[in-house]
PDB file of N, CA and C in Angstrom:
ATOM      1  N   MET A   1       0.908  -1.078  -0.018  1.00  0.00           N
ATOM      2  CA  MET A   1       0.190   0.002   0.125  1.00  0.00           C
ATOM      3  C   MET A   1       0.911   1.188  -0.009  1.00  0.00           C
ATOM      4  N   PRO A   2       0.558   2.148  -0.958  1.00  0.00           N
ATOM      5  CA  PRO A   2       1.531   3.398  -0.995  1.00  0.00           C
ATOM      6  C   PRO A   2       1.257   4.387   0.229  1.00  0.00           C
ATOM      7  N   GLY A   3       2.346   4.869   0.674  1.00  0.00           N
ATOM      8  CA  GLY A   3       2.191   5.758   1.580  1.00  0.00           C
ATOM      9  C   GLY A   3       1.771   7.020   1.334  1.00  0.00           C
ATOM     10  N   VAL A   4       1.790   7.879   2.221  1.00  0.00           N
ATOM     11  CA  VAL A   4       1.363   9.616   1.903  1.00  0.00           C
ATOM     12  C   VAL A   4       2.261  10.036   1.107  1.00  0.00           C
ATOM     13  N   GLY A   5       3.684  10.082   1.259  1.00  0.00           N
ATOM     14  CA  GLY A   5       4.682  10.605   0.557  1.00  0.00           C
ATOM     15  C   GLY A   5       4.561  10.185  -0.912  1.00  0.00           C
ATOM     16  N   GLU A   6       4.379   8.959  -1.164  1.00  0.00           N
ATOM     17  CA  GLU A   6       4.284   8.303  -2.505  1.00  0.00           C
ATOM     18  C   GLU A   6       3.223   8.961  -3.451  1.00  0.00           C
ATOM     19  N   LEU A   7       2.026   9.113  -2.850  1.00  0.00           N
ATOM     20  CA  LEU A   7       0.672   9.672  -3.033  1.00  0.00           C
ATOM     21  C   LEU A   7       0.931  11.116  -3.484  1.00  0.00           C
ATOM     22  N   LEU A   8       1.325  11.782  -2.508  1.00  0.00           N
ATOM     23  CA  LEU A   8       1.739  13.296  -2.942  1.00  0.00           C
ATOM     24  C   LEU A   8       2.728  13.668  -3.961  1.00  0.00           C
ATOM     25  N   VAL A   9       3.653  12.599  -4.121  1.00  0.00           N
ATOM     26  CA  VAL A   9       4.563  12.768  -5.023  1.00  0.00           C
ATOM     27  C   VAL A   9       4.075  12.531  -6.520  1.00  0.00           C
ATOM     28  N   THR A  10       3.170  11.606  -6.510  1.00  0.00           N
ATOM     29  CA  THR A  10       2.536  11.305  -7.650  1.00  0.00           C
ATOM     30  C   THR A  10       1.330  12.419  -8.122  1.00  0.00           C
ATOM     31  N   ILE A  11       0.573  13.041  -7.240  1.00  0.00           N
ATOM     32  CA  ILE A  11      -0.015  14.071  -7.417  1.00  0.00           C
ATOM     33  C   ILE A  11       0.658  15.199  -7.915  1.00  0.00           C
ATOM     34  N   MET A  12       1.751  15.473  -7.312  1.00  0.00           N
ATOM     35  CA  MET A  12       2.515  16.629  -7.763  1.00  0.00           C
ATOM     36  C   MET A  12       3.100  16.574  -9.185  1.00  0.00           C
ATOM     37  N   ARG A  13       3.627  15.058  -9.530  1.00  0.00           N
ATOM     38  CA  ARG A  13       4.156  14.874 -10.796  1.00  0.00           C
ATOM     39  C   ARG A  13       2.942  14.863 -12.119  1.00  0.00           C
ATOM     40  N   MET A  14       1.925  14.597 -11.680  1.00  0.00           N
ATOM     41  CA  MET A  14       0.765  14.798 -12.483  1.00  0.00           C
ATOM     42  C   MET A  14       0.446  16.267 -12.711  1.00  0.00           C
ATOM     43  N   PHE A  15       0.469  17.061 -11.614  1.00  0.00           N
ATOM     44  CA  PHE A  15       0.610  18.589 -11.776  1.00  0.00           C
ATOM     45  C   PHE A  15       1.459  19.196 -12.424  1.00  0.00           C
ATOM     46  N   LEU A  16       2.743  18.706 -12.460  1.00  0.00           N
ATOM     47  CA  LEU A  16       3.847  19.227 -13.021  1.00  0.00           C
ATOM     48  C   LEU A  16       3.454  18.954 -14.685  1.00  0.00           C
ATOM     49  N   PHE A  17       3.101  17.668 -15.236  1.00  0.00           N
ATOM     50  CA  PHE A  17       2.576  17.351 -16.236  1.00  0.00           C
ATOM     51  C   PHE A  17       1.590  18.182 -17.053  1.00  0.00           C
ATOM     52  N   ALA A  18       0.566  18.710 -16.136  1.00  0.00           N
ATOM     53  CA  ALA A  18      -0.545  19.731 -16.504  1.00  0.00           C
ATOM     54  C   ALA A  18       0.154  21.029 -16.574  1.00  0.00           C
ATOM     55  N   LEU A  19       1.120  21.368 -15.783  1.00  0.00           N
ATOM     56  CA  LEU A  19       1.747  22.718 -16.241  1.00  0.00           C
ATOM     57  C   LEU A  19       2.445  22.724 -17.459  1.00  0.00           C
ATOM     58  N   PHE A  20       3.092  21.657 -17.909  1.00  0.00           N
ATOM     59  CA  PHE A  20       3.801  21.469 -19.001  1.00  0.00           C
ATOM     60  C   PHE A  20       2.921  21.441 -20.125  1.00  0.00           C
ATOM     61  N   GLY A  21       1.763  20.882 -20.032  1.00  0.00           N
ATOM     62  CA  GLY A  21       0.631  21.017 -20.792  1.00  0.00           C
ATOM     63  C   GLY A  21       0.190  22.409 -21.159  1.00  0.00           C
ATOM     64  N   ARG A  22      -0.044  22.971 -20.063  1.00  0.00           N
ATOM     65  CA  ARG A  22      -0.465  24.397 -20.039  1.00  0.00           C
ATOM     66  C   ARG A  22       0.578  25.367 -21.026  1.00  0.00           C
ATOM     67  N   LEU A  23       1.771  25.094 -20.668  1.00  0.00           N
ATOM     68  CA  LEU A  23       2.851  25.685 -21.409  1.00  0.00           C
ATOM     69  C   LEU A  23       2.779  25.578 -22.884  1.00  0.00           C
ATOM     70  N   ILE A  24       2.509  24.473 -23.320  1.00  0.00           N
ATOM     71  CA  ILE A  24       2.516  24.033 -24.642  1.00  0.00           C
ATOM     72  C   ILE A  24       1.251  24.841 -25.316  1.00  0.00           C
ATOM     73  N   LEU A  25       0.369  24.578 -24.683  1.00  0.00           N
ATOM     74  CA  LEU A  25      -1.079  25.324 -25.022  1.00  0.00           C
ATOM     75  C   LEU A  25      -0.907  26.884 -25.053  1.00  0.00           C
ATOM     76  N   ASP A  26      -0.287  27.214 -24.225  1.00  0.00           N
ATOM     77  CA  ASP A  26       0.029  28.735 -24.134  1.00  0.00           C
ATOM     78  C   ASP A  26       0.808  29.172 -25.300  1.00  0.00           C
ATOM     79  N   TYR A  27       1.921  28.272 -25.815  1.00  0.00           N
ATOM     80  CA  TYR A  27       2.640  28.752 -26.804  1.00  0.00           C
ATOM     81  C   TYR A  27       1.869  28.587 -28.218  1.00  0.00           C
ATOM     82  N   ILE A  28       0.962  27.453 -28.123  1.00  0.00           N
ATOM     83  CA  ILE A  28       0.035  27.235 -29.316  1.00  0.00           C
ATOM     84  C   ILE A  28      -0.618  28.581 -29.703  1.00  0.00           C
ATOM     85  N   ARG A  29      -1.361  29.071 -28.536  1.00  0.00           N
ATOM     86  CA  ARG A  29      -2.283  30.061 -28.585  1.00  0.00           C
ATOM     87  C   ARG A  29      -1.301  31.205 -28.843  1.00  0.00           C
ATOM     88  N   MET A  30      -0.253  31.490 -28.559  1.00  0.00           N
ATOM     89  CA  MET A  30       0.710  32.677 -28.843  1.00  0.00           C
ATOM     90  C   MET A  30       1.202  32.807 -30.316  1.00  0.00           C
ATOM     91  N   PHE A  31       1.423  31.783 -30.790  1.00  0.00           N
ATOM     92  CA  PHE A  31       1.913  31.672 -32.208  1.00  0.00           C
ATOM     93  C   PHE A  31       0.844  31.453 -33.466  1.00  0.00           C
ATOM     94  N   ALA A  32      -0.087  30.730 -33.043  1.00  0.00           N
ATOM     95  CA  ALA A  32      -1.247  30.446 -33.931  1.00  0.00           C
ATOM     96  C   ALA A  32      -2.492  30.911 -33.242  1.00  0.00           C
ATOM     97  N   ARG A  33      -2.817  32.176 -33.368  1.00  0.00           N
ATOM     98  CA  ARG A  33      -3.697  32.866 -32.751  1.00  0.00           C
ATOM     99  C   ARG A  33      -5.176  32.466 -33.174  1.00  0.00           C
ATOM    100  N   SER A  34      -5.324  31.907 -34.208  1.00  0.00           N
ATOM    101  CA  SER A  34      -6.719  31.660 -34.762  1.00  0.00           C
ATOM    102  C   SER A  34      -7.098  29.969 -34.450  1.00  0.00           C
ATOM    103  N   TRP A  35      -5.953  29.309 -33.950  1.00  0.00           N
ATOM    104  CA  TRP A  35      -6.239  28.033 -33.317  1.00  0.00           C
ATOM    105  C   TRP A  35      -7.279  27.659 -32.321  1.00  0.00           C
ATOM    106  N   GLN A  36      -8.328  27.072 -32.586  1.00  0.00           N
ATOM    107  CA  GLN A  36      -9.089  26.663 -31.393  1.00  0.00           C
ATOM    108  C   GLN A  36      -9.158  25.131 -31.052  1.00  0.00           C
ATOM    109  N   PRO A  37      -9.094  24.798 -29.954  1.00  0.00           N
ATOM    110  CA  PRO A  37      -9.133  23.229 -29.794  1.00  0.00           C
ATOM    111  C   PRO A  37     -10.399  22.718 -29.971  1.00  0.00           C
ATOM    112  N   ARG A  38     -10.463  21.585 -30.676  1.00  0.00           N
ATOM    113  CA  ARG A  38     -11.838  20.774 -30.917  1.00  0.00           C
ATOM    114  C   ARG A  38     -11.736  19.431 -30.531  1.00  0.00           C
ATOM    115  N   GLY A  39     -12.781  18.717 -30.389  1.00  0.00           N
ATOM    116  CA  GLY A  39     -12.824  17.532 -29.856  1.00  0.00           C
ATOM    117  C   GLY A  39     -12.081  17.113 -28.801  1.00  0.00           C
ATOM    118  N   VAL A  40     -11.340  16.115 -28.684  1.00  0.00           N
ATOM    119  CA  VAL A  40     -10.541  15.506 -27.574  1.00  0.00           C
ATOM    120  C   VAL A  40      -9.547  16.714 -27.109  1.00  0.00           C
ATOM    121  N   PHE A  41      -8.889  17.390 -27.933  1.00  0.00           N
ATOM    122  CA  PHE A  41      -8.057  18.572 -27.493  1.00  0.00           C
ATOM    123  C   PHE A  41      -8.854  19.531 -26.874  1.00  0.00           C
ATOM    124  N   LEU A  42     -10.094  19.865 -26.897  1.00  0.00           N
ATOM    125  CA  LEU A  42     -10.825  20.698 -26.257  1.00  0.00           C
ATOM    126  C   LEU A  42     -11.181  20.180 -24.908  1.00  0.00           C
ATOM    127  N   PHE A  43     -11.477  18.879 -24.555  1.00  0.00           N
ATOM    128  CA  PHE A  43     -11.445  18.612 -23.277  1.00  0.00           C
ATOM    129  C   PHE A  43     -10.414  18.389 -22.551  1.00  0.00           C
ATOM    130  N   LEU A  44      -9.087  18.181 -23.228  1.00  0.00           N
ATOM    131  CA  LEU A  44      -7.932  18.251 -22.550  1.00  0.00           C
ATOM    132  C   LEU A  44      -7.476  19.501 -22.196  1.00  0.00           C
ATOM    133  N   ALA A  45      -7.534  20.482 -23.080  1.00  0.00           N
ATOM    134  CA  ALA A  45      -7.258  21.844 -22.931  1.00  0.00           C
ATOM    135  C   ALA A  45      -8.118  22.374 -21.770  1.00  0.00           C
ATOM    136  N   GLU A  46      -9.332  22.118 -21.489  1.00  0.00           N
ATOM    137  CA  GLU A  46     -10.158  22.617 -20.486  1.00  0.00           C
ATOM    138  C   GLU A  46      -9.880  21.882 -19.179  1.00  0.00           C
ATOM    139  N   ALA A  47      -9.511  20.628 -19.437  1.00  0.00           N
ATOM    140  CA  ALA A  47      -9.128  19.981 -17.965  1.00  0.00           C
ATOM    141  C   ALA A  47      -7.622  20.627 -17.341  1.00  0.00           C
ATOM    142  N   ILE A  48      -6.669  20.718 -18.317  1.00  0.00           N
ATOM    143  CA  ILE A  48      -5.392  21.387 -18.042  1.00  0.00           C
ATOM    144  C   ILE A  48      -5.614  22.905 -17.636  1.00  0.00           C
ATOM    145  N   TYR A  49      -6.428  23.758 -18.078  1.00  0.00           N
ATOM    146  CA  TYR A  49      -6.815  24.931 -17.471  1.00  0.00           C
ATOM    147  C   TYR A  49      -7.294  24.906 -16.310  1.00  0.00           C
ATOM    148  N   SER A  50      -8.354  24.047 -15.938  1.00  0.00           N
ATOM    149  CA  SER A  50      -8.831  23.972 -14.714  1.00  0.00           C
ATOM    150  C   SER A  50      -8.166  23.626 -13.678  1.00  0.00           C
ATOM    151  N   ILE A  51      -7.188  22.672 -13.871  1.00  0.00           N
ATOM    152  CA  ILE A  51      -6.232  22.208 -13.093  1.00  0.00           C
ATOM    153  C   ILE A  51      -5.426  23.213 -12.466  1.00  0.00           C
ATOM    154  N   THR A  52      -4.856  23.933 -13.639  1.00  0.00           N
ATOM    155  CA  THR A  52      -3.624  24.916 -13.170  1.00  0.00           C
ATOM    156  C   THR A  52      -4.117  26.505 -12.994  1.00  0.00           C
ATOM    157  N   ASP A  53      -5.208  26.808 -13.233  1.00  0.00           N
ATOM    158  CA  ASP A  53      -5.460  28.090 -13.129  1.00  0.00           C
ATOM    159  C   ASP A  53      -5.826  28.678 -11.547  1.00  0.00           C
ATOM    160  N   LYS A  54      -6.232  27.913 -10.998  1.00  0.00           N
ATOM    161  CA  LYS A  54      -6.253  28.569  -9.496  1.00  0.00           C
ATOM    162  C   LYS A  54      -4.934  28.469  -8.808  1.00  0.00           C
ATOM    163  N   PRO A  55      -4.187  27.483  -8.875  1.00  0.00           N
ATOM    164  CA  PRO A  55      -2.909  27.767  -8.213  1.00  0.00           C
ATOM    165  C   PRO A  55      -1.973  28.853  -8.776  1.00  0.00           C
ATOM    166  N   THR A  56      -2.028  28.872 -10.406  1.00  0.00           N
ATOM    167  CA  THR A  56      -1.290  30.015 -10.725  1.00  0.00           C
ATOM    168  C   THR A  56      -1.796  31.276 -10.431  1.00  0.00           C
ATOM    169  N   ALA A  57      -3.316  31.577 -10.371  1.00  0.00           N
ATOM    170  CA  ALA A  57      -3.641  32.962  -9.777  1.00  0.00           C
ATOM    171  C   ALA A  57      -3.225  33.103  -8.456  1.00  0.00           C
ATOM    172  N   LEU A  58      -3.179  32.035  -7.357  1.00  0.00           N
ATOM    173  CA  LEU A  58      -2.705  32.495  -6.242  1.00  0.00           C
ATOM    174  C   LEU A  58      -1.347  32.862  -5.942  1.00  0.00           C
ATOM    175  N   VAL A  59      -0.584  32.117  -6.831  1.00  0.00           N
ATOM    176  CA  VAL A  59       0.958  32.586  -6.952  1.00  0.00           C
ATOM    177  C   VAL A  59       1.153  34.159  -7.396  1.00  0.00           C
ATOM    178  N   ARG A  60       0.424  34.305  -8.490  1.00  0.00           N
ATOM    179  CA  ARG A  60       0.282  35.543  -9.169  1.00  0.00           C
ATOM    180  C   ARG A  60      -0.274  36.878  -8.097  1.00  0.00           C
ATOM    181  N   LYS A  61      -0.773  36.360  -7.169  1.00  0.00           N
ATOM    182  CA  LYS A  61      -1.085  37.419  -6.077  1.00  0.00           C
ATOM    183  C   LYS A  61      -0.081  37.875  -5.323  1.00  0.00           C
ATOM    184  N   PHE A  62       0.856  36.844  -5.164  1.00  0.00           N
ATOM    185  CA  PHE A  62       2.146  37.333  -4.307  1.00  0.00           C
ATOM    186  C   PHE A  62       3.332  37.373  -5.236  1.00  0.00           C
ATOM    187  N   VAL A  63       3.313  37.165  -6.300  1.00  0.00           N
ATOM    188  CA  VAL A  63       4.456  37.501  -6.847  1.00  0.00           C
ATOM    189  C   VAL A  63       4.180  38.505  -8.087  1.00  0.00           C
ATOM    190  N   PRO A  64       4.632  39.731  -8.143  1.00  0.00           N
ATOM    191  CA  PRO A  64       4.163  40.746  -9.384  1.00  0.00           C
ATOM    192  C   PRO A  64       5.019  40.662 -10.375  1.00  0.00           C
ATOM    193  N   PRO A  65       4.427  41.008 -11.466  1.00  0.00           N
ATOM    194  CA  PRO A  65       4.913  40.962 -12.713  1.00  0.00           C
ATOM    195  C   PRO A  65       6.362  41.422 -12.856  1.00  0.00           C
ATOM    196  N   LEU A  66       7.300  40.973 -13.631  1.00  0.00           N
ATOM    197  CA  LEU A  66       8.402  41.700 -13.832  1.00  0.00           C
ATOM    198  C   LEU A  66       8.528  42.900 -14.861  1.00  0.00           C
ATOM    199  N   ARG A  67       8.613  44.087 -14.724  1.00  0.00           N
ATOM    200  CA  ARG A  67       8.647  45.153 -15.757  1.00  0.00           C
ATOM    201  C   ARG A  67       9.776  45.208 -16.607  1.00  0.00           C
ATOM    202  N   LEU A  68       9.916  45.158 -17.627  1.00  0.00           N
ATOM    203  CA  LEU A  68      10.777  45.182 -18.500  1.00  0.00           C
ATOM    204  C   LEU A  68      10.565  46.352 -19.647  1.00  0.00           C
ATOM    205  N   GLY A  69      10.605  47.744 -19.240  1.00  0.00           N
ATOM    206  CA  GLY A  69      10.316  48.743 -20.198  1.00  0.00           C
ATOM    207  C   GLY A  69       8.776  48.689 -20.313  1.00  0.00           C
ATOM    208  N   SER A  70       8.261  48.438 -21.390  1.00  0.00           N
ATOM    209  CA  SER A  70       6.766  48.619 -21.635  1.00  0.00           C
ATOM    210  C   SER A  70       6.216  47.053 -21.710  1.00  0.00           C
ATOM    211  N   VAL A  71       7.062  46.303 -21.588  1.00  0.00           N
ATOM    212  CA  VAL A  71       6.728  44.686 -21.454  1.00  0.00           C
ATOM    213  C   VAL A  71       6.453  44.256 -19.758  1.00  0.00           C
ATOM    214  N   SER A  72       5.581  43.521 -19.529  1.00  0.00           N
ATOM    215  CA  SER A  72       5.446  42.930 -18.388  1.00  0.00           C
ATOM    216  C   SER A  72       5.621  41.219 -18.482  1.00  0.00           C
ATOM    217  N   LEU A  73       6.464  40.984 -17.853  1.00  0.00           N
ATOM    218  CA  LEU A  73       6.621  39.414 -17.843  1.00  0.00           C
ATOM    219  C   LEU A  73       6.128  38.601 -16.490  1.00  0.00           C
ATOM    220  N   ASP A  74       5.097  37.774 -16.540  1.00  0.00           N
ATOM    221  CA  ASP A  74       4.418  37.148 -15.550  1.00  0.00           C
ATOM    222  C   ASP A  74       5.368  35.929 -15.083  1.00  0.00           C
ATOM    223  N   LEU A  75       5.704  35.996 -13.944  1.00  0.00           N
ATOM    224  CA  LEU A  75       6.711  35.081 -13.444  1.00  0.00           C
ATOM    225  C   LEU A  75       5.747  33.916 -12.629  1.00  0.00           C
ATOM    226  N   SER A  76       4.626  34.253 -12.477  1.00  0.00           N
ATOM    227  CA  SER A  76       3.853  33.014 -11.618  1.00  0.00           C
ATOM    228  C   SER A  76       3.883  31.622 -12.029  1.00  0.00           C
ATOM    229  N   PHE A  77       4.078  31.443 -13.344  1.00  0.00           N
ATOM    230  CA  PHE A  77       4.275  30.083 -13.844  1.00  0.00           C
ATOM    231  C   PHE A  77       5.579  29.444 -13.380  1.00  0.00           C
ATOM    232  N   LEU A  78       6.585  30.342 -13.617  1.00  0.00           N
ATOM    233  CA  LEU A  78       8.077  29.733 -13.487  1.00  0.00           C
ATOM    234  C   LEU A  78       8.014  29.539 -11.992  1.00  0.00           C
ATOM    235  N   VAL A  79       7.515  30.370 -10.979  1.00  0.00           N
ATOM    236  CA  VAL A  79       7.423  30.249  -9.531  1.00  0.00           C
ATOM    237  C   VAL A  79       6.700  29.056  -9.213  1.00  0.00           C
ATOM    238  N   LEU A  80       5.801  28.814  -9.608  1.00  0.00           N
ATOM    239  CA  LEU A  80       4.982  27.529  -9.365  1.00  0.00           C
ATOM    240  C   LEU A  80       5.471  26.582  -9.982  1.00  0.00           C
ATOM    241  N   PHE A  81       6.077  26.178 -11.210  1.00  0.00           N
ATOM    242  CA  PHE A  81       6.574  25.183 -11.742  1.00  0.00           C
ATOM    243  C   PHE A  81       7.962  24.807 -10.977  1.00  0.00           C
ATOM    244  N   PHE A  82       8.845  25.835 -10.404  1.00  0.00           N
ATOM    245  CA  PHE A  82      10.163  25.313  -9.652  1.00  0.00           C
ATOM    246  C   PHE A  82       9.793  24.916  -8.312  1.00  0.00           C
ATOM    247  N   GLY A  83       8.654  25.753  -7.776  1.00  0.00           N
ATOM    248  CA  GLY A  83       8.083  25.502  -6.290  1.00  0.00           C
ATOM    249  C   GLY A  83       7.660  23.998  -6.119  1.00  0.00           C
ATOM    250  N   VAL A  84       6.996  23.522  -7.327  1.00  0.00           N
ATOM    251  CA  VAL A  84       6.452  22.079  -7.149  1.00  0.00           C
ATOM    252  C   VAL A  84       7.812  21.158  -7.483  1.00  0.00           C
ATOM    253  N   GLN A  85       8.699  21.453  -8.254  1.00  0.00           N
ATOM    254  CA  GLN A  85       9.853  20.741  -8.438  1.00  0.00           C
ATOM    255  C   GLN A  85      10.631  20.754  -7.072  1.00  0.00           C
ATOM    256  N   LEU A  86      10.562  21.495  -6.356  1.00  0.00           N
ATOM    257  CA  LEU A  86      11.513  21.705  -5.027  1.00  0.00           C
ATOM    258  C   LEU A  86      10.465  20.758  -4.005  1.00  0.00           C
ATOM    259  N   LEU A  87       9.323  20.743  -4.011  1.00  0.00           N
ATOM    260  CA  LEU A  87       8.529  20.307  -2.929  1.00  0.00           C
ATOM    261  C   LEU A  87       8.421  18.651  -3.390  1.00  0.00           C
ATOM    262  N   ILE A  88       8.701  18.283  -4.573  1.00  0.00           N
ATOM    263  CA  ILE A  88       8.511  16.573  -4.802  1.00  0.00           C
ATOM    264  C   ILE A  88       9.704  15.961  -3.987  1.00  0.00           C
ATOM    265  N   PRO A  89      11.036  16.298  -3.647  1.00  0.00           N
ATOM    266  CA  PRO A  89      11.734  15.540  -3.091  1.00  0.00           C
ATOM    267  C   PRO A  89      11.543  15.478  -1.290  1.00  0.00           C
ATOM    268  N   LEU A  90      10.794  16.494  -1.128  1.00  0.00           N
ATOM    269  CA  LEU A  90      10.259  16.850   0.382  1.00  0.00           C
ATOM    270  C   LEU A  90       9.384  15.976   0.563  1.00  0.00           C
ATOM    271  N   ALA A  91       8.241  15.776  -0.206  1.00  0.00           N
ATOM    272  CA  ALA A  91       7.082  14.798  -0.106  1.00  0.00           C
ATOM    273  C   ALA A  91       7.775  13.443  -0.089  1.00  0.00           C
ATOM    274  N   ALA A  92       8.653  13.018  -0.848  1.00  0.00           N
ATOM    275  CA  ALA A  92       9.071  11.733  -1.024  1.00  0.00           C
ATOM    276  C   ALA A  92       9.727  11.170   0.032  1.00  0.00           C
ATOM    277  N   ARG A  93      10.010  12.119   1.135  1.00  0.00           N
ATOM    278  CA  ARG A  93      10.756  11.548   2.234  1.00  0.00           C
ATOM    279  C   ARG A  93       9.564  11.237   3.419  1.00  0.00           C
ATOM    280  N   LEU A  94       8.459  11.722   3.127  1.00  0.00           N
ATOM    281  CA  LEU A  94       7.395  11.486   4.147  1.00  0.00           C
ATOM    282  C   LEU A  94       6.988   9.821   4.240  1.00  0.00           C
TER     283      LEU A  94
END
């Protein structure tokens, strides 16, 4: 029977895959603005955004965007991605 640490690690790894999927979807939307997901891709995109929106918005409250002249860079995704990466080894020790 898996322990609490193994369960947390599995959940966090699945969340990392969802974050990676969000990164891919965001790049697709950035480079192909007219692209709209259909069928199975629509279901996957909706699931990925549903899973990752709330944690990203929470981090965005505490990490302000980085101003680079007239451009604003949102760092919440990076902070969340590396934060989860750092939490995985800690959860594995439980």
